Structure formats: C-alpha cells, structure tokens
Amino acid sequence: VQDGTLAVAVFASLKRITAGYFIALIAGGIIGLILTKIKSADIGVNGLILGFQTLPSICWLPFAILWFGLSEAAIIFIIVIGSIFSIAISVESGINNINPVYIRAGKNMGAKGFSLFRYIILPAAMPAVISGMKQGWSFAWRGVIAGEMLSASIGLGQILMMGRELADINQVAAVMLIIILIGVFIEKQIFGKIEKNIKRVRGVQ
C-alpha cells in the first residue's frame, strides 16, 4: 500500500477483467439467443457448451500463450473463455424456461416480434440471466488471476505469485482479502442494485 504497488495491481486487474467480461457478456448473450432460436443447435451444442464450462480457466492458458504470446490479449482470452459459457447457458435456460402463459398473454395483447421479446421474454428471463452474469463474473476473476500469475508483469495475480514464491503468507492473504472485498463491492453496488430493480419492476419487492 505504501509504495503504491497494490493500487496499480488492482487497477490493472480491474481493467483486464472489465474488458474480458464485457466481451464475454456480449458473445455469451448472442450464443444463448442462437441456442434458443435454432433447436438443432440447442441439441448439438448445449451439451458441448456445458462440457467447456466444466474446464478450469487455467487449462486454456497454454493455448492462449501459443495464440497470443505473453500479452494482454492472452489474459483477456482466458477471462472471456472462462465466463462466456456460463452466460450463454443462463441466457438459453432463462428464455427456454419462461412460463408459456406470459408469452400467450403478450400475444393476446398484440405483442409480437421484437416487442414480444423486449417487453415479455427479456424481463421474464432476467432473473436467470443475472444469475448467470454473477457466475460469469466469478469465473472471470479466476481467469484473470490465473493469467496474471503466469504471464503478467503487474496485477493481483502477479503479486499473489510473488508472495507464493517468497513464502510471504501476509502478501498472499492481503491479495485474497482484496479480491474478496472487490467481489463484495461489485455484488452490492452493481448486481445487487440490478436485482432489486428487477424485483421492484416485477412487483416482488
């Protein structure tokens, strides 16, 4: 804290995870929507996506280094690949498990096409989507720490690696505490507020 190393590391890690997570959010959402529209893709790809989701992010690190070298792109790739599948699964599951009564009611009131998706399907699927977003965020953190431990010059993962190599348990514990605090802050200030807003709109809270 005194020499500013921790602040720089936190900023570097947050910058990487923000970039990777938003890429995963967009790509995962598109994949999830494709799975809901193309039933043949759902049958063939859904199981494959679930299989990829079970792989730890660090398993992709050798491929990332081969494809991108020891660069920022390699770390961001690990973040994306670690969170994209959980987001895609949540979008697909959230839309496919909507109560059919909502869709029939929307159609009876004249909703169709994009308006049906915008005002009926998307709001009904949002609780599952938010749950997948939270899970994807946690997987993104695992990815950024794994990537920084092996290929970054600065970041929380790199500080964690140095603490391990020097057997400095205080440094290791400090990084772990910082990661937990950041996770709690994001949960309360971002995901928590989104969930409260959804509940208020749906009349649950």
Protein backbone atom coordinates (compact mmCIF):
# COMPACT_ATOMS: atom_id res chain seq x y z
CA VAL A 1 0.00 0.00 0.00
CA GLN A 2 2.76 2.45 0.92
CA ASP A 3 4.69 2.21 -2.35
CA GLY A 4 1.53 2.15 -4.49
CA THR A 5 2.13 -1.36 -5.86
CA LEU A 6 -1.19 -2.67 -4.64
CA ALA A 7 -3.21 0.18 -6.15
CA VAL A 8 -1.52 -0.25 -9.54
CA ALA A 9 -2.12 -4.00 -9.42
CA VAL A 10 -5.80 -3.58 -8.55
CA PHE A 11 -6.27 -1.09 -11.40
CA ALA A 12 -4.52 -3.38 -13.90
CA SER A 13 -6.57 -6.41 -12.89
CA LEU A 14 -9.85 -4.47 -12.95
CA LYS A 15 -9.05 -3.08 -16.40
CA ARG A 16 -8.39 -6.58 -17.78
CA ILE A 17 -11.40 -8.20 -16.15
CA THR A 18 -13.74 -5.40 -17.25
CA ALA A 19 -12.65 -5.73 -20.88
CA GLY A 20 -12.82 -9.52 -20.89
CA TYR A 21 -16.10 -9.71 -19.01
CA PHE A 22 -17.94 -7.34 -21.33
CA ILE A 23 -16.70 -9.27 -24.36
CA ALA A 24 -17.94 -12.48 -22.73
CA LEU A 25 -21.23 -10.79 -21.84
CA ILE A 26 -21.94 -9.80 -25.45
CA ALA A 27 -20.69 -13.02 -27.03
CA GLY A 28 -22.35 -15.23 -24.42
CA GLY A 29 -25.66 -13.42 -24.87
CA ILE A 30 -25.51 -13.92 -28.63
CA ILE A 31 -24.68 -17.61 -28.26
CA GLY A 32 -27.52 -18.07 -25.78
CA LEU A 33 -30.00 -16.38 -28.14
CA ILE A 34 -28.84 -18.58 -31.02
CA LEU A 35 -29.41 -21.68 -28.92
CA THR A 36 -32.98 -20.61 -28.18
CA LYS A 37 -33.77 -19.91 -31.85
CA ILE A 38 -32.13 -22.89 -33.53
CA LYS A 39 -33.33 -26.10 -31.94
CA SER A 40 -30.83 -28.24 -33.83
CA ALA A 41 -28.02 -26.07 -32.45
CA ASP A 42 -29.52 -26.41 -28.99
CA ILE A 43 -29.44 -30.19 -29.19
CA GLY A 44 -25.92 -30.43 -30.58
CA VAL A 45 -24.15 -27.51 -28.90
CA ASN A 46 -25.78 -27.21 -25.48
CA GLY A 47 -24.04 -30.29 -24.10
CA LEU A 48 -20.74 -29.19 -25.62
CA ILE A 49 -21.04 -25.75 -24.00
CA LEU A 50 -21.74 -27.37 -20.64
CA GLY A 51 -18.65 -29.53 -21.12
CA PHE A 52 -16.49 -26.49 -21.86
CA GLN A 53 -17.90 -24.79 -18.77
CA THR A 54 -16.52 -27.56 -16.55
CA LEU A 55 -12.96 -26.89 -17.72
CA PRO A 56 -10.94 -24.67 -15.34
CA SER A 57 -9.84 -21.44 -16.98
CA ILE A 58 -6.17 -22.25 -16.43
CA CYS A 59 -6.50 -25.20 -18.83
CA TRP A 60 -6.78 -22.67 -21.66
CA LEU A 61 -3.60 -20.84 -20.71
CA PRO A 62 -1.21 -22.88 -22.92
CA PHE A 63 -3.46 -22.24 -25.94
CA ALA A 64 -3.68 -18.55 -25.11
CA ILE A 65 0.10 -18.24 -24.92
CA LEU A 66 0.55 -20.11 -28.21
CA TRP A 67 -2.06 -17.98 -29.99
CA PHE A 68 -1.38 -14.57 -28.45
CA GLY A 69 2.01 -14.88 -26.77
CA LEU A 70 2.76 -13.40 -23.34
CA SER A 71 0.48 -10.41 -23.85
CA GLU A 72 -2.63 -8.68 -22.55
CA ALA A 73 -4.65 -10.44 -25.24
CA ALA A 74 -3.76 -13.82 -23.75
CA ILE A 75 -5.07 -12.82 -20.32
CA ILE A 76 -8.25 -11.31 -21.75
CA PHE A 77 -8.79 -14.51 -23.76
CA ILE A 78 -8.61 -16.53 -20.54
CA ILE A 79 -11.15 -14.22 -18.91
CA VAL A 80 -13.53 -14.45 -21.88
CA ILE A 81 -13.30 -18.22 -22.24
CA GLY A 82 -13.80 -18.63 -18.50
CA SER A 83 -17.07 -16.70 -18.28
CA ILE A 84 -18.68 -16.85 -21.73
CA PHE A 85 -20.18 -20.31 -21.33
CA SER A 86 -21.95 -19.66 -18.03
CA ILE A 87 -23.52 -16.53 -19.51
CA ALA A 88 -24.64 -18.39 -22.65
CA ILE A 89 -26.17 -21.19 -20.57
CA SER A 90 -28.04 -18.73 -18.35
CA VAL A 91 -29.50 -16.85 -21.33
CA GLU A 92 -30.59 -20.06 -23.02
CA SER A 93 -32.05 -21.52 -19.82
CA GLY A 94 -33.75 -18.28 -18.78
CA ILE A 95 -35.54 -17.86 -22.11
CA ASN A 96 -36.47 -21.50 -22.60
CA ASN A 97 -37.90 -21.81 -19.08
CA ILE A 98 -40.23 -18.81 -19.28
CA ASN A 99 -43.79 -19.58 -18.25
CA PRO A 100 -45.70 -20.07 -21.57
CA VAL A 101 -48.62 -18.17 -20.03
CA TYR A 102 -46.60 -14.94 -20.20
CA ILE A 103 -45.95 -15.38 -23.92
CA ARG A 104 -49.57 -16.27 -24.69
CA ALA A 105 -50.77 -13.28 -22.69
CA GLY A 106 -48.37 -10.99 -24.53
CA LYS A 107 -49.51 -12.26 -27.90
CA ASN A 108 -53.15 -11.84 -26.94
CA MET A 109 -52.39 -8.20 -26.11
CA GLY A 110 -50.82 -7.65 -29.54
CA ALA A 111 -47.12 -8.14 -28.78
CA LYS A 112 -45.12 -9.88 -31.48
CA GLY A 113 -41.61 -9.99 -32.89
CA PHE A 114 -39.18 -7.65 -31.16
CA SER A 115 -41.86 -6.11 -28.94
CA LEU A 116 -42.69 -9.58 -27.59
CA PHE A 117 -39.01 -10.16 -26.84
CA ARG A 118 -38.47 -6.67 -25.39
CA TYR A 119 -41.48 -6.47 -23.09
CA ILE A 120 -42.30 -10.11 -22.29
CA ILE A 121 -39.45 -12.56 -22.87
CA LEU A 122 -36.48 -10.46 -21.74
CA PRO A 123 -37.99 -9.24 -18.43
CA ALA A 124 -39.18 -12.77 -17.58
CA ALA A 125 -35.74 -14.23 -18.31
CA MET A 126 -33.75 -11.55 -16.48
CA PRO A 127 -33.54 -13.30 -13.06
CA ALA A 128 -31.82 -16.30 -14.66
CA VAL A 129 -29.66 -14.04 -16.83
CA ILE A 130 -28.50 -12.00 -13.82
CA SER A 131 -27.63 -15.22 -12.00
CA GLY A 132 -25.51 -16.28 -14.98
CA MET A 133 -23.87 -12.86 -15.12
CA LYS A 134 -22.85 -13.16 -11.48
CA GLN A 135 -21.47 -16.63 -12.07
CA GLY A 136 -19.63 -15.39 -15.15
CA TRP A 137 -18.11 -12.56 -13.11
CA SER A 138 -16.76 -15.03 -10.56
CA PHE A 139 -15.30 -17.22 -13.32
CA ALA A 140 -13.77 -14.11 -14.90
CA TRP A 141 -11.90 -13.41 -11.67
CA ARG A 142 -10.50 -16.93 -11.67
CA GLY A 143 -9.36 -16.39 -15.23
CA VAL A 144 -7.65 -13.06 -14.63
CA ILE A 145 -5.79 -14.34 -11.57
CA ALA A 146 -4.66 -17.49 -13.41
CA GLY A 147 -3.50 -15.47 -16.41
CA GLU A 148 -1.67 -12.85 -14.36
CA MET A 149 0.13 -15.48 -12.30
CA LEU A 150 1.90 -16.79 -15.37
CA SER A 151 2.09 -14.03 -17.96
CA ALA A 152 1.56 -10.57 -16.43
CA SER A 153 4.17 -8.07 -15.25
CA ILE A 154 1.68 -6.36 -12.92
CA GLY A 155 -1.65 -7.35 -11.41
CA LEU A 156 -3.12 -9.05 -8.38
CA GLY A 157 -2.27 -12.47 -9.78
CA GLN A 158 1.36 -11.46 -10.24
CA ILE A 159 1.56 -10.17 -6.66
CA LEU A 160 -0.05 -13.40 -5.48
CA MET A 161 2.56 -15.39 -7.40
CA MET A 162 5.41 -13.37 -5.87
CA GLY A 163 4.00 -13.92 -2.40
CA ARG A 164 3.85 -17.65 -3.01
CA GLU A 165 7.41 -17.83 -4.36
CA LEU A 166 8.74 -15.80 -1.43
CA ALA A 167 6.62 -17.76 1.08
CA ASP A 168 5.14 -14.43 2.20
CA ILE A 169 1.80 -15.50 3.66
CA ASN A 170 0.95 -11.90 4.57
CA GLN A 171 1.15 -10.83 0.94
CA VAL A 172 -0.87 -13.84 -0.21
CA ALA A 173 -3.55 -13.20 2.42
CA ALA A 174 -3.66 -9.49 1.53
CA VAL A 175 -4.34 -10.24 -2.14
CA MET A 176 -7.02 -12.77 -1.20
CA LEU A 177 -8.67 -10.18 1.05
CA ILE A 178 -8.59 -7.53 -1.69
CA ILE A 179 -10.24 -9.93 -4.17
CA ILE A 180 -12.97 -10.75 -1.65
CA LEU A 181 -13.61 -7.06 -0.91
CA ILE A 182 -13.83 -6.22 -4.61
CA GLY A 183 -16.26 -9.11 -5.10
CA VAL A 184 -18.47 -7.93 -2.24
CA PHE A 185 -18.42 -4.36 -3.56
CA ILE A 186 -19.41 -5.42 -7.10
CA GLU A 187 -22.17 -7.67 -5.72
CA LYS A 188 -23.67 -4.93 -3.56
CA GLN A 189 -23.23 -1.92 -5.84
CA ILE A 190 -23.90 -3.45 -9.26
CA PHE A 191 -25.54 -6.87 -9.29
CA GLY A 192 -27.45 -6.23 -6.05
CA LYS A 193 -28.93 -3.00 -7.37
CA ILE A 194 -29.86 -4.62 -10.69
CA GLU A 195 -31.64 -7.45 -8.87
CA LYS A 196 -33.52 -5.01 -6.62
CA ASN A 197 -34.62 -3.01 -9.65
CA ILE A 198 -35.87 -6.16 -11.39
CA LYS A 199 -37.78 -7.23 -8.30
CA ARG A 200 -39.33 -3.77 -7.99
CA VAL A 201 -40.42 -3.77 -11.63
CA ARG A 202 -41.91 -7.26 -11.27
CA GLY A 203 -43.73 -6.25 -8.08
CA VAL A 204 -41.83 -8.71 -5.91
CA GLN A 205 -40.25 -6.02 -3.73
